[in-house]
Amino acid sequence: MAAATSSSAVAVSTPQGVAERRGIPAASFVEDVETYLRQAGLEVNSALAFLQERLQQYKMVEMKLLAQQRELQAKIPDIEKCLDIVATLKAKKALGEALIADFELSEGIYSRAKIEDSDSVCLWLGANVMLEYSCDEANELLKSNLENARASLEVLVGDLHFLRDQQTITQVTIARIFNWDVHQRRSKQSVMKET
């Protein structure tokens, strides 16, 4: 199977010369099907099976990346909301005012609290862990988390674009090999009918 991806530049070309992106192998566009099959040492059916398997692998990776993208897209607004709350607490403290907040005790049960002169906040870190930070430390941590989440989302979007390109190239290659095989079979049939 390695021979199928390392064929010469005459039969196969890789877009932008990229071999992979973060572990996602680049698909090879087959320019000349006959040369590709000969150099790879594959028959049509085995080449199609290999490409179909690769296409399924791309789809599995795409599902995982889309799930990660949804998680990050949900996480970013939460972080922004926490930053707003910390900023509000700092602003109220600077003005010397108390902050009136409604918070949920359990599902559907809320309580009202009056927060006066708060120097610290508690942040959920995950895995049932909560830590107390000063407002400034919490602000720095949340800003760092927000930047990291946005950077991760940007990388994920790039990976998804790359992956979709590889799926398209693989689908086109499958179609080219299939059509070449149909053409070869029809040519053989017409030669046999003539004789």
N, C-alpha and C. Protein backbone atom coordinates (compact mmCIF):
# COMPACT_ATOMS: atom_id res chain seq x y z
N MET A 1 0.82 -1.20 0.00
CA MET A 1 0.00 0.00 0.00
C MET A 1 0.86 1.26 0.00
N ALA A 2 2.04 1.15 0.54
CA ALA A 2 2.93 2.31 0.55
C ALA A 2 3.32 2.69 -0.86
N ALA A 3 3.37 1.70 -1.75
CA ALA A 3 3.73 1.99 -3.13
C ALA A 3 2.66 2.84 -3.80
N ALA A 4 1.43 2.72 -3.35
CA ALA A 4 0.35 3.49 -3.96
C ALA A 4 0.48 4.97 -3.67
N THR A 5 1.14 5.34 -2.60
CA THR A 5 1.26 6.75 -2.26
C THR A 5 2.61 7.32 -2.60
N SER A 6 3.58 6.47 -2.96
CA SER A 6 4.91 7.00 -3.24
C SER A 6 5.29 6.83 -4.70
N SER A 7 4.34 6.88 -5.61
CA SER A 7 4.61 6.76 -7.03
C SER A 7 5.30 8.00 -7.54
N SER A 8 5.84 7.90 -8.72
CA SER A 8 6.59 9.03 -9.28
C SER A 8 5.67 10.17 -9.65
N ALA A 9 6.27 11.32 -9.93
CA ALA A 9 5.52 12.53 -10.22
C ALA A 9 4.82 12.46 -11.57
N VAL A 10 5.21 11.51 -12.43
CA VAL A 10 4.57 11.38 -13.73
C VAL A 10 3.12 10.95 -13.57
N ALA A 11 2.87 9.99 -12.69
CA ALA A 11 1.52 9.45 -12.55
C ALA A 11 0.74 10.07 -11.41
N VAL A 12 1.43 10.54 -10.38
CA VAL A 12 0.76 11.00 -9.17
C VAL A 12 1.34 12.34 -8.76
N SER A 13 0.47 13.24 -8.33
CA SER A 13 0.97 14.50 -7.78
C SER A 13 0.22 14.81 -6.49
N THR A 14 0.95 15.37 -5.55
CA THR A 14 0.37 15.74 -4.26
C THR A 14 0.20 17.25 -4.25
N PRO A 15 -0.98 17.77 -3.88
CA PRO A 15 -1.21 19.21 -3.90
C PRO A 15 -0.29 19.95 -2.95
N GLN A 16 0.27 21.04 -3.42
CA GLN A 16 1.13 21.93 -2.65
C GLN A 16 2.33 21.21 -2.05
N GLY A 17 2.65 19.99 -2.51
CA GLY A 17 3.80 19.27 -2.01
C GLY A 17 3.69 18.87 -0.54
N VAL A 18 2.50 18.85 0.03
CA VAL A 18 2.29 18.52 1.44
C VAL A 18 2.08 17.02 1.55
N ALA A 19 2.89 16.35 2.38
CA ALA A 19 2.75 14.91 2.56
C ALA A 19 1.68 14.58 3.60
N GLU A 20 1.54 15.44 4.60
CA GLU A 20 0.52 15.25 5.62
C GLU A 20 0.34 16.54 6.40
N ARG A 21 -0.74 16.60 7.14
CA ARG A 21 -1.00 17.74 8.03
C ARG A 21 -1.52 17.18 9.34
N ARG A 22 -0.74 17.36 10.38
CA ARG A 22 -1.07 16.88 11.73
C ARG A 22 -1.53 15.42 11.72
N GLY A 23 -0.80 14.58 11.01
CA GLY A 23 -1.09 13.16 10.98
C GLY A 23 -2.11 12.73 9.95
N ILE A 24 -2.68 13.67 9.21
CA ILE A 24 -3.64 13.34 8.16
C ILE A 24 -2.86 13.23 6.85
N PRO A 25 -2.78 12.03 6.26
CA PRO A 25 -2.00 11.88 5.03
C PRO A 25 -2.65 12.60 3.86
N ALA A 26 -1.81 13.18 3.01
CA ALA A 26 -2.31 13.87 1.83
C ALA A 26 -2.69 12.85 0.77
N ALA A 27 -3.75 13.13 0.06
CA ALA A 27 -4.19 12.26 -1.03
C ALA A 27 -3.39 12.61 -2.28
N SER A 28 -3.16 11.61 -3.09
CA SER A 28 -2.42 11.81 -4.34
C SER A 28 -3.39 11.84 -5.50
N PHE A 29 -3.26 12.85 -6.34
CA PHE A 29 -4.10 12.94 -7.52
C PHE A 29 -3.45 12.12 -8.62
N VAL A 30 -4.21 11.22 -9.21
CA VAL A 30 -3.69 10.35 -10.26
C VAL A 30 -3.92 11.02 -11.61
N GLU A 31 -2.82 11.37 -12.26
CA GLU A 31 -2.91 12.01 -13.57
C GLU A 31 -3.06 10.98 -14.67
N ASP A 32 -2.29 9.89 -14.58
CA ASP A 32 -2.33 8.83 -15.58
C ASP A 32 -2.62 7.52 -14.86
N VAL A 33 -3.83 7.03 -15.01
CA VAL A 33 -4.28 5.86 -14.27
C VAL A 33 -3.46 4.63 -14.60
N GLU A 34 -3.19 4.40 -15.87
CA GLU A 34 -2.45 3.21 -16.27
C GLU A 34 -1.05 3.20 -15.67
N THR A 35 -0.36 4.31 -15.72
CA THR A 35 0.98 4.41 -15.14
C THR A 35 0.92 4.24 -13.63
N TYR A 36 -0.09 4.83 -13.01
CA TYR A 36 -0.26 4.70 -11.55
C TYR A 36 -0.42 3.24 -11.15
N LEU A 37 -1.30 2.53 -11.84
CA LEU A 37 -1.54 1.13 -11.50
C LEU A 37 -0.30 0.28 -11.73
N ARG A 38 0.41 0.54 -12.82
CA ARG A 38 1.61 -0.23 -13.13
C ARG A 38 2.71 0.03 -12.09
N GLN A 39 2.93 1.29 -11.76
CA GLN A 39 3.99 1.63 -10.80
C GLN A 39 3.64 1.15 -9.38
N ALA A 40 2.37 1.19 -9.04
CA ALA A 40 1.95 0.77 -7.71
C ALA A 40 1.85 -0.75 -7.62
N GLY A 41 1.83 -1.41 -8.77
CA GLY A 41 1.71 -2.86 -8.77
C GLY A 41 0.34 -3.32 -8.30
N LEU A 42 -0.67 -2.52 -8.60
CA LEU A 42 -2.03 -2.83 -8.15
C LEU A 42 -2.94 -3.13 -9.34
N GLU A 43 -3.94 -3.95 -9.09
CA GLU A 43 -5.01 -4.13 -10.05
C GLU A 43 -6.07 -3.08 -9.76
N VAL A 44 -7.00 -2.93 -10.67
CA VAL A 44 -8.03 -1.90 -10.53
C VAL A 44 -8.82 -2.10 -9.24
N ASN A 45 -9.27 -3.31 -8.98
CA ASN A 45 -10.10 -3.57 -7.79
C ASN A 45 -9.34 -3.30 -6.50
N SER A 46 -8.08 -3.70 -6.44
CA SER A 46 -7.31 -3.46 -5.20
C SER A 46 -7.02 -1.97 -5.04
N ALA A 47 -6.78 -1.25 -6.13
CA ALA A 47 -6.56 0.20 -6.04
C ALA A 47 -7.84 0.90 -5.56
N LEU A 48 -8.98 0.47 -6.10
CA LEU A 48 -10.26 1.06 -5.67
C LEU A 48 -10.54 0.74 -4.21
N ALA A 49 -10.23 -0.49 -3.78
CA ALA A 49 -10.45 -0.87 -2.38
C ALA A 49 -9.56 -0.04 -1.46
N PHE A 50 -8.31 0.15 -1.86
CA PHE A 50 -7.38 0.97 -1.07
C PHE A 50 -7.90 2.39 -0.94
N LEU A 51 -8.35 2.97 -2.05
CA LEU A 51 -8.84 4.36 -2.03
C LEU A 51 -10.15 4.49 -1.26
N GLN A 52 -11.02 3.50 -1.35
CA GLN A 52 -12.26 3.52 -0.57
C GLN A 52 -11.95 3.46 0.92
N GLU A 53 -10.98 2.63 1.29
CA GLU A 53 -10.58 2.54 2.69
C GLU A 53 -10.02 3.87 3.18
N ARG A 54 -9.19 4.50 2.34
CA ARG A 54 -8.61 5.80 2.70
C ARG A 54 -9.72 6.85 2.85
N LEU A 55 -10.71 6.80 1.98
CA LEU A 55 -11.83 7.74 2.05
C LEU A 55 -12.61 7.56 3.36
N GLN A 56 -12.81 6.31 3.77
CA GLN A 56 -13.49 6.05 5.05
C GLN A 56 -12.67 6.56 6.22
N GLN A 57 -11.34 6.42 6.13
CA GLN A 57 -10.47 6.94 7.18
C GLN A 57 -10.60 8.46 7.27
N TYR A 58 -10.64 9.12 6.12
CA TYR A 58 -10.82 10.57 6.11
C TYR A 58 -12.15 10.96 6.76
N LYS A 59 -13.20 10.20 6.48
CA LYS A 59 -14.51 10.52 7.06
C LYS A 59 -14.52 10.33 8.57
N MET A 60 -13.82 9.30 9.06
CA MET A 60 -13.74 9.09 10.51
C MET A 60 -13.00 10.24 11.18
N VAL A 61 -11.89 10.66 10.58
CA VAL A 61 -11.13 11.78 11.13
C VAL A 61 -11.97 13.05 11.10
N GLU A 62 -12.74 13.23 10.03
CA GLU A 62 -13.60 14.41 9.92
C GLU A 62 -14.64 14.43 11.04
N MET A 63 -15.22 13.28 11.36
CA MET A 63 -16.21 13.23 12.45
C MET A 63 -15.56 13.62 13.78
N LYS A 64 -14.35 13.14 14.03
CA LYS A 64 -13.66 13.49 15.27
C LYS A 64 -13.34 14.98 15.33
N LEU A 65 -12.88 15.53 14.21
CA LEU A 65 -12.55 16.95 14.18
C LEU A 65 -13.80 17.82 14.34
N LEU A 66 -14.90 17.40 13.74
CA LEU A 66 -16.14 18.17 13.89
C LEU A 66 -16.62 18.15 15.34
N ALA A 67 -16.45 17.02 16.01
CA ALA A 67 -16.84 16.94 17.43
C ALA A 67 -15.96 17.89 18.26
N GLN A 68 -14.66 17.92 17.98
CA GLN A 68 -13.76 18.83 18.69
C GLN A 68 -14.13 20.28 18.40
N GLN A 69 -14.51 20.56 17.15
CA GLN A 69 -14.89 21.92 16.78
C GLN A 69 -16.15 22.35 17.55
N ARG A 70 -17.14 21.46 17.65
CA ARG A 70 -18.36 21.80 18.40
C ARG A 70 -18.04 22.08 19.87
N GLU A 71 -17.14 21.27 20.46
CA GLU A 71 -16.76 21.48 21.86
C GLU A 71 -16.10 22.84 22.04
N LEU A 72 -15.20 23.20 21.14
CA LEU A 72 -14.53 24.50 21.25
C LEU A 72 -15.49 25.65 21.02
N GLN A 73 -16.41 25.48 20.07
CA GLN A 73 -17.37 26.54 19.80
C GLN A 73 -18.31 26.74 20.98
N ALA A 74 -18.55 25.72 21.76
CA ALA A 74 -19.37 25.86 22.97
C ALA A 74 -18.54 26.43 24.12
N LYS A 75 -17.27 26.12 24.15
CA LYS A 75 -16.39 26.53 25.24
C LYS A 75 -16.06 28.03 25.17
N ILE A 76 -15.87 28.56 23.99
CA ILE A 76 -15.45 29.96 23.83
C ILE A 76 -16.47 30.94 24.43
N PRO A 77 -17.79 30.81 24.15
CA PRO A 77 -18.74 31.72 24.78
C PRO A 77 -18.76 31.61 26.31
N ASP A 78 -18.55 30.40 26.83
CA ASP A 78 -18.50 30.23 28.29
C ASP A 78 -17.33 30.99 28.89
N ILE A 79 -16.18 30.90 28.25
CA ILE A 79 -15.00 31.62 28.74
C ILE A 79 -15.23 33.12 28.67
N GLU A 80 -15.82 33.58 27.56
CA GLU A 80 -16.10 35.02 27.41
C GLU A 80 -17.07 35.49 28.50
N LYS A 81 -18.06 34.67 28.81
CA LYS A 81 -19.02 35.02 29.86
C LYS A 81 -18.32 35.12 31.21
N CYS A 82 -17.43 34.19 31.48
CA CYS A 82 -16.67 34.23 32.75
C CYS A 82 -15.80 35.48 32.82
N LEU A 83 -15.19 35.84 31.70
CA LEU A 83 -14.38 37.08 31.67
C LEU A 83 -15.24 38.30 31.98
N ASP A 84 -16.43 38.33 31.41
CA ASP A 84 -17.36 39.44 31.67
C ASP A 84 -17.73 39.50 33.15
N ILE A 85 -17.97 38.35 33.76
CA ILE A 85 -18.35 38.32 35.17
C ILE A 85 -17.21 38.82 36.04
N VAL A 86 -15.98 38.38 35.74
CA VAL A 86 -14.81 38.83 36.51
C VAL A 86 -14.64 40.34 36.35
N ALA A 87 -14.82 40.85 35.12
CA ALA A 87 -14.71 42.29 34.89
C ALA A 87 -15.79 43.05 35.65
N THR A 88 -17.00 42.51 35.70
CA THR A 88 -18.08 43.14 36.44
C THR A 88 -17.77 43.18 37.93
N LEU A 89 -17.26 42.07 38.45
CA LEU A 89 -16.88 42.03 39.87
C LEU A 89 -15.81 43.08 40.18
N LYS A 90 -14.81 43.18 39.32
CA LYS A 90 -13.75 44.17 39.54
C LYS A 90 -14.29 45.59 39.47
N ALA A 91 -15.21 45.84 38.51
CA ALA A 91 -15.78 47.18 38.36
C ALA A 91 -16.64 47.54 39.57
N LYS A 92 -17.45 46.60 40.04
CA LYS A 92 -18.29 46.87 41.22
C LYS A 92 -17.42 47.11 42.46
N LYS A 93 -16.33 46.36 42.58
CA LYS A 93 -15.43 46.55 43.72
C LYS A 93 -14.78 47.93 43.67
N ALA A 94 -14.39 48.37 42.47
CA ALA A 94 -13.77 49.69 42.32
C ALA A 94 -14.75 50.81 42.67
N LEU A 95 -16.03 50.60 42.36
CA LEU A 95 -17.05 51.60 42.69
C LEU A 95 -17.53 51.48 44.14
N GLY A 96 -17.20 50.39 44.78
CA GLY A 96 -17.64 50.18 46.15
C GLY A 96 -19.08 49.73 46.25
N GLU A 97 -19.62 49.22 45.16
CA GLU A 97 -21.01 48.76 45.14
C GLU A 97 -21.06 47.24 45.34
N ALA A 98 -22.19 46.77 45.78
CA ALA A 98 -22.42 45.33 45.90
C ALA A 98 -23.03 44.82 44.60
N LEU A 99 -22.72 43.60 44.28
CA LEU A 99 -23.27 42.96 43.09
C LEU A 99 -24.39 42.03 43.51
N ILE A 100 -25.56 42.21 42.89
CA ILE A 100 -26.71 41.34 43.16
C ILE A 100 -26.74 40.30 42.04
N ALA A 101 -26.72 39.03 42.42
CA ALA A 101 -26.67 37.95 41.42
C ALA A 101 -27.67 36.86 41.79
N ASP A 102 -28.29 36.29 40.76
CA ASP A 102 -29.14 35.12 40.92
C ASP A 102 -28.31 33.92 40.48
N PHE A 103 -28.31 32.87 41.29
CA PHE A 103 -27.57 31.68 40.91
C PHE A 103 -28.41 30.44 41.18
N GLU A 104 -28.12 29.40 40.43
CA GLU A 104 -28.91 28.18 40.48
C GLU A 104 -28.38 27.26 41.58
N LEU A 105 -29.27 26.88 42.48
CA LEU A 105 -28.92 25.93 43.54
C LEU A 105 -29.04 24.50 43.02
N SER A 106 -30.13 24.23 42.36
CA SER A 106 -30.35 22.96 41.69
C SER A 106 -31.31 23.24 40.54
N GLU A 107 -31.67 22.23 39.82
CA GLU A 107 -32.47 22.44 38.63
C GLU A 107 -33.78 23.15 38.95
N GLY A 108 -33.92 24.36 38.41
CA GLY A 108 -35.14 25.12 38.59
C GLY A 108 -35.25 25.88 39.91
N ILE A 109 -34.25 25.77 40.78
CA ILE A 109 -34.28 26.47 42.06
C ILE A 109 -33.14 27.48 42.10
N TYR A 110 -33.52 28.75 42.23
CA TYR A 110 -32.53 29.84 42.21
C TYR A 110 -32.55 30.58 43.54
N SER A 111 -31.45 31.24 43.79
CA SER A 111 -31.33 32.06 44.99
C SER A 111 -30.66 33.37 44.60
N ARG A 112 -30.97 34.40 45.34
CA ARG A 112 -30.37 35.71 45.08
C ARG A 112 -29.28 35.94 46.13
N ALA A 113 -28.15 36.47 45.66
CA ALA A 113 -27.02 36.72 46.56
C ALA A 113 -26.53 38.14 46.37
N LYS A 114 -26.04 38.69 47.44
CA LYS A 114 -25.45 40.03 47.42
C LYS A 114 -23.95 39.84 47.67
N ILE A 115 -23.15 40.17 46.64
CA ILE A 115 -21.70 39.97 46.72
C ILE A 115 -21.06 41.33 46.99
N GLU A 116 -20.43 41.44 48.15
CA GLU A 116 -19.80 42.70 48.52
C GLU A 116 -18.28 42.52 48.60
N ASP A 117 -17.57 43.44 47.99
CA ASP A 117 -16.12 43.55 48.13
C ASP A 117 -15.42 42.20 47.98
N SER A 118 -15.58 41.59 46.82
CA SER A 118 -14.98 40.28 46.57
C SER A 118 -13.58 40.44 46.00
N ASP A 119 -12.60 39.80 46.63
CA ASP A 119 -11.22 39.85 46.16
C ASP A 119 -10.85 38.62 45.33
N SER A 120 -11.72 37.62 45.36
CA SER A 120 -11.37 36.38 44.66
C SER A 120 -12.61 35.75 44.02
N VAL A 121 -12.34 34.84 43.08
CA VAL A 121 -13.40 34.09 42.42
C VAL A 121 -12.97 32.62 42.39
N CYS A 122 -13.94 31.74 42.28
CA CYS A 122 -13.66 30.31 42.14
C CYS A 122 -13.97 29.90 40.71
N LEU A 123 -13.04 29.18 40.09
CA LEU A 123 -13.21 28.73 38.71
C LEU A 123 -13.20 27.20 38.66
N TRP A 124 -14.14 26.65 37.87
CA TRP A 124 -14.14 25.22 37.62
C TRP A 124 -13.03 24.93 36.63
N LEU A 125 -12.14 24.01 36.96
CA LEU A 125 -11.06 23.64 36.06
C LEU A 125 -11.36 22.38 35.28
N GLY A 126 -12.39 21.68 35.67
CA GLY A 126 -12.75 20.41 35.04
C GLY A 126 -12.44 19.27 35.98
N ALA A 127 -12.94 18.10 35.66
CA ALA A 127 -12.76 16.89 36.47
C ALA A 127 -13.16 17.14 37.92
N ASN A 128 -14.24 17.87 38.12
CA ASN A 128 -14.76 18.19 39.46
C ASN A 128 -13.75 18.90 40.34
N VAL A 129 -12.97 19.78 39.73
CA VAL A 129 -11.96 20.55 40.47
C VAL A 129 -12.29 22.03 40.35
N MET A 130 -12.32 22.70 41.49
CA MET A 130 -12.55 24.14 41.52
C MET A 130 -11.43 24.76 42.35
N LEU A 131 -10.88 25.86 41.83
CA LEU A 131 -9.83 26.57 42.55
C LEU A 131 -10.21 28.03 42.73
N GLU A 132 -9.72 28.60 43.81
CA GLU A 132 -9.97 30.01 44.09
C GLU A 132 -8.79 30.82 43.57
N TYR A 133 -9.10 31.88 42.82
CA TYR A 133 -8.10 32.78 42.27
C TYR A 133 -8.45 34.20 42.65
N SER A 134 -7.44 35.06 42.69
CA SER A 134 -7.73 36.48 42.81
C SER A 134 -8.36 36.91 41.49
N CYS A 135 -9.04 38.04 41.49
CA CYS A 135 -9.71 38.49 40.27
C CYS A 135 -8.71 38.70 39.14
N ASP A 136 -7.53 39.24 39.46
CA ASP A 136 -6.52 39.48 38.42
C ASP A 136 -5.98 38.16 37.86
N GLU A 137 -5.71 37.20 38.76
CA GLU A 137 -5.23 35.89 38.30
C GLU A 137 -6.28 35.18 37.45
N ALA A 138 -7.53 35.26 37.89
CA ALA A 138 -8.61 34.63 37.14
C ALA A 138 -8.75 35.26 35.76
N ASN A 139 -8.62 36.59 35.70
CA ASN A 139 -8.71 37.31 34.44
C ASN A 139 -7.59 36.85 33.49
N GLU A 140 -6.37 36.74 34.00
CA GLU A 140 -5.24 36.29 33.18
C GLU A 140 -5.44 34.86 32.71
N LEU A 141 -5.87 33.99 33.61
CA LEU A 141 -6.09 32.59 33.25
C LEU A 141 -7.18 32.46 32.19
N LEU A 142 -8.28 33.17 32.37
CA LEU A 142 -9.38 33.09 31.41
C LEU A 142 -8.98 33.66 30.05
N LYS A 143 -8.21 34.76 30.05
CA LYS A 143 -7.74 35.31 28.77
C LYS A 143 -6.82 34.32 28.06
N SER A 144 -5.95 33.68 28.82
CA SER A 144 -5.05 32.67 28.24
C SER A 144 -5.85 31.50 27.68
N ASN A 145 -6.84 31.03 28.44
CA ASN A 145 -7.68 29.94 27.96
C ASN A 145 -8.46 30.33 26.71
N LEU A 146 -8.92 31.57 26.66
CA LEU A 146 -9.67 32.05 25.50
C LEU A 146 -8.77 32.09 24.26
N GLU A 147 -7.56 32.62 24.43
CA GLU A 147 -6.62 32.66 23.30
C GLU A 147 -6.28 31.26 22.82
N ASN A 148 -6.05 30.34 23.75
CA ASN A 148 -5.74 28.95 23.38
C ASN A 148 -6.91 28.30 22.66
N ALA A 149 -8.12 28.53 23.14
CA ALA A 149 -9.30 27.95 22.50
C ALA A 149 -9.49 28.50 21.09
N ARG A 150 -9.31 29.80 20.92
CA ARG A 150 -9.44 30.40 19.58
C ARG A 150 -8.36 29.89 18.64
N ALA A 151 -7.13 29.75 19.13
CA ALA A 151 -6.04 29.23 18.30
C ALA A 151 -6.32 27.78 17.92
N SER A 152 -6.80 26.99 18.87
CA SER A 152 -7.13 25.59 18.57
C SER A 152 -8.25 25.50 17.55
N LEU A 153 -9.24 26.37 17.67
CA LEU A 153 -10.35 26.38 16.72
C LEU A 153 -9.85 26.74 15.32
N GLU A 154 -8.95 27.69 15.24
CA GLU A 154 -8.40 28.09 13.95
C GLU A 154 -7.63 26.93 13.30
N VAL A 155 -6.85 26.21 14.10
CA VAL A 155 -6.11 25.05 13.58
C VAL A 155 -7.08 23.97 13.13
N LEU A 156 -8.13 23.74 13.92
CA LEU A 156 -9.14 22.74 13.56
C LEU A 156 -9.83 23.07 12.24
N VAL A 157 -10.15 24.34 12.05
CA VAL A 157 -10.80 24.76 10.80
C VAL A 157 -9.86 24.51 9.63
N GLY A 158 -8.58 24.81 9.80
CA GLY A 158 -7.59 24.53 8.76
C GLY A 158 -7.48 23.04 8.47
N ASP A 159 -7.49 22.23 9.53
CA ASP A 159 -7.44 20.78 9.36
C ASP A 159 -8.67 20.27 8.61
N LEU A 160 -9.83 20.83 8.93
CA LEU A 160 -11.06 20.42 8.25
C LEU A 160 -11.03 20.78 6.77
N HIS A 161 -10.50 21.96 6.44
CA HIS A 161 -10.38 22.35 5.03
C HIS A 161 -9.43 21.40 4.30
N PHE A 162 -8.30 21.11 4.93
CA PHE A 162 -7.33 20.19 4.34
C PHE A 162 -7.97 18.82 4.13
N LEU A 163 -8.70 18.35 5.14
CA LEU A 163 -9.33 17.04 5.08
C LEU A 163 -10.37 16.98 3.97
N ARG A 164 -11.16 18.02 3.83
CA ARG A 164 -12.17 18.04 2.77
C ARG A 164 -11.52 18.03 1.39
N ASP A 165 -10.40 18.73 1.26
CA ASP A 165 -9.66 18.70 -0.01
C ASP A 165 -9.18 17.28 -0.31
N GLN A 166 -8.68 16.58 0.72
CA GLN A 166 -8.19 15.22 0.53
C GLN A 166 -9.33 14.27 0.16
N GLN A 167 -10.50 14.48 0.75
CA GLN A 167 -11.65 13.66 0.40
C GLN A 167 -12.04 13.88 -1.06
N THR A 168 -12.04 15.12 -1.48
CA THR A 168 -12.40 15.44 -2.86
C THR A 168 -11.40 14.81 -3.83
N ILE A 169 -10.11 14.95 -3.53
CA ILE A 169 -9.07 14.38 -4.40
C ILE A 169 -9.23 12.86 -4.46
N THR A 170 -9.50 12.23 -3.34
CA THR A 170 -9.67 10.78 -3.31
C THR A 170 -10.90 10.35 -4.10
N GLN A 171 -12.00 11.09 -3.96
CA GLN A 171 -13.21 10.75 -4.71
C GLN A 171 -12.99 10.91 -6.21
N VAL A 172 -12.29 11.96 -6.61
CA VAL A 172 -11.99 12.17 -8.03
C VAL A 172 -11.09 11.06 -8.54
N THR A 173 -10.11 10.65 -7.74
CA THR A 173 -9.21 9.58 -8.14
C THR A 173 -9.96 8.27 -8.29
N ILE A 174 -10.87 7.98 -7.37
CA ILE A 174 -11.69 6.77 -7.47
C ILE A 174 -12.50 6.80 -8.77
N ALA A 175 -13.11 7.94 -9.06
CA ALA A 175 -13.91 8.07 -10.28
C ALA A 175 -13.04 7.91 -11.53
N ARG A 176 -11.84 8.48 -11.52
CA ARG A 176 -10.94 8.37 -12.67
C ARG A 176 -10.53 6.91 -12.90
N ILE A 177 -10.20 6.20 -11.84
CA ILE A 177 -9.79 4.80 -11.98
C ILE A 177 -10.97 3.95 -12.45
N PHE A 178 -12.14 4.18 -11.87
CA PHE A 178 -13.32 3.43 -12.26
C PHE A 178 -13.65 3.69 -13.74
N ASN A 179 -13.66 4.94 -14.14
CA ASN A 179 -13.97 5.29 -15.53
C ASN A 179 -12.93 4.72 -16.49
N TRP A 180 -11.67 4.75 -16.10
CA TRP A 180 -10.60 4.17 -16.92
C TRP A 180 -10.84 2.68 -17.11
N ASP A 181 -11.23 2.00 -16.02
CA ASP A 181 -11.48 0.56 -16.10
C ASP A 181 -12.67 0.27 -17.01
N VAL A 182 -13.74 1.05 -16.90
CA VAL A 182 -14.91 0.87 -17.77
C VAL A 182 -14.50 1.08 -19.23
N HIS A 183 -13.71 2.09 -19.49
CA HIS A 183 -13.25 2.37 -20.86
C HIS A 183 -12.41 1.21 -21.38
N GLN A 184 -11.53 0.67 -20.54
CA GLN A 184 -10.69 -0.46 -20.96
C GLN A 184 -11.54 -1.69 -21.27
N ARG A 185 -12.53 -1.95 -20.46
CA ARG A 185 -13.39 -3.11 -20.69
C ARG A 185 -14.19 -2.96 -21.97
N ARG A 186 -14.70 -1.76 -22.21
CA ARG A 186 -15.46 -1.52 -23.45
C ARG A 186 -14.57 -1.65 -24.67
N SER A 187 -13.34 -1.17 -24.55
CA SER A 187 -12.40 -1.28 -25.67
C SER A 187 -12.12 -2.75 -25.97
N LYS A 188 -11.92 -3.56 -24.93
CA LYS A 188 -11.67 -4.99 -25.12
C LYS A 188 -12.89 -5.67 -25.74
N GLN A 189 -14.09 -5.28 -25.31
CA GLN A 189 -15.31 -5.88 -25.85
C GLN A 189 -15.48 -5.53 -27.33
N SER A 190 -15.19 -4.29 -27.69
CA SER A 190 -15.35 -3.89 -29.10
C SER A 190 -14.31 -4.59 -29.97
N VAL A 191 -13.11 -4.81 -29.46
CA VAL A 191 -12.09 -5.55 -30.22
C VAL A 191 -12.51 -6.99 -30.40
N MET A 192 -13.10 -7.58 -29.36
CA MET A 192 -13.55 -8.97 -29.44
C MET A 192 -14.72 -9.12 -30.40
N LYS A 193 -15.60 -8.13 -30.47
CA LYS A 193 -16.74 -8.20 -31.38
C LYS A 193 -16.28 -8.08 -32.83
N GLU A 194 -15.24 -7.30 -33.07
CA GLU A 194 -14.74 -7.09 -34.42
C GLU A 194 -14.06 -8.35 -34.96
N THR A 195 -13.51 -9.17 -34.07
CA THR A 195 -12.79 -10.36 -34.53
C THR A 195 -13.66 -11.56 -34.66
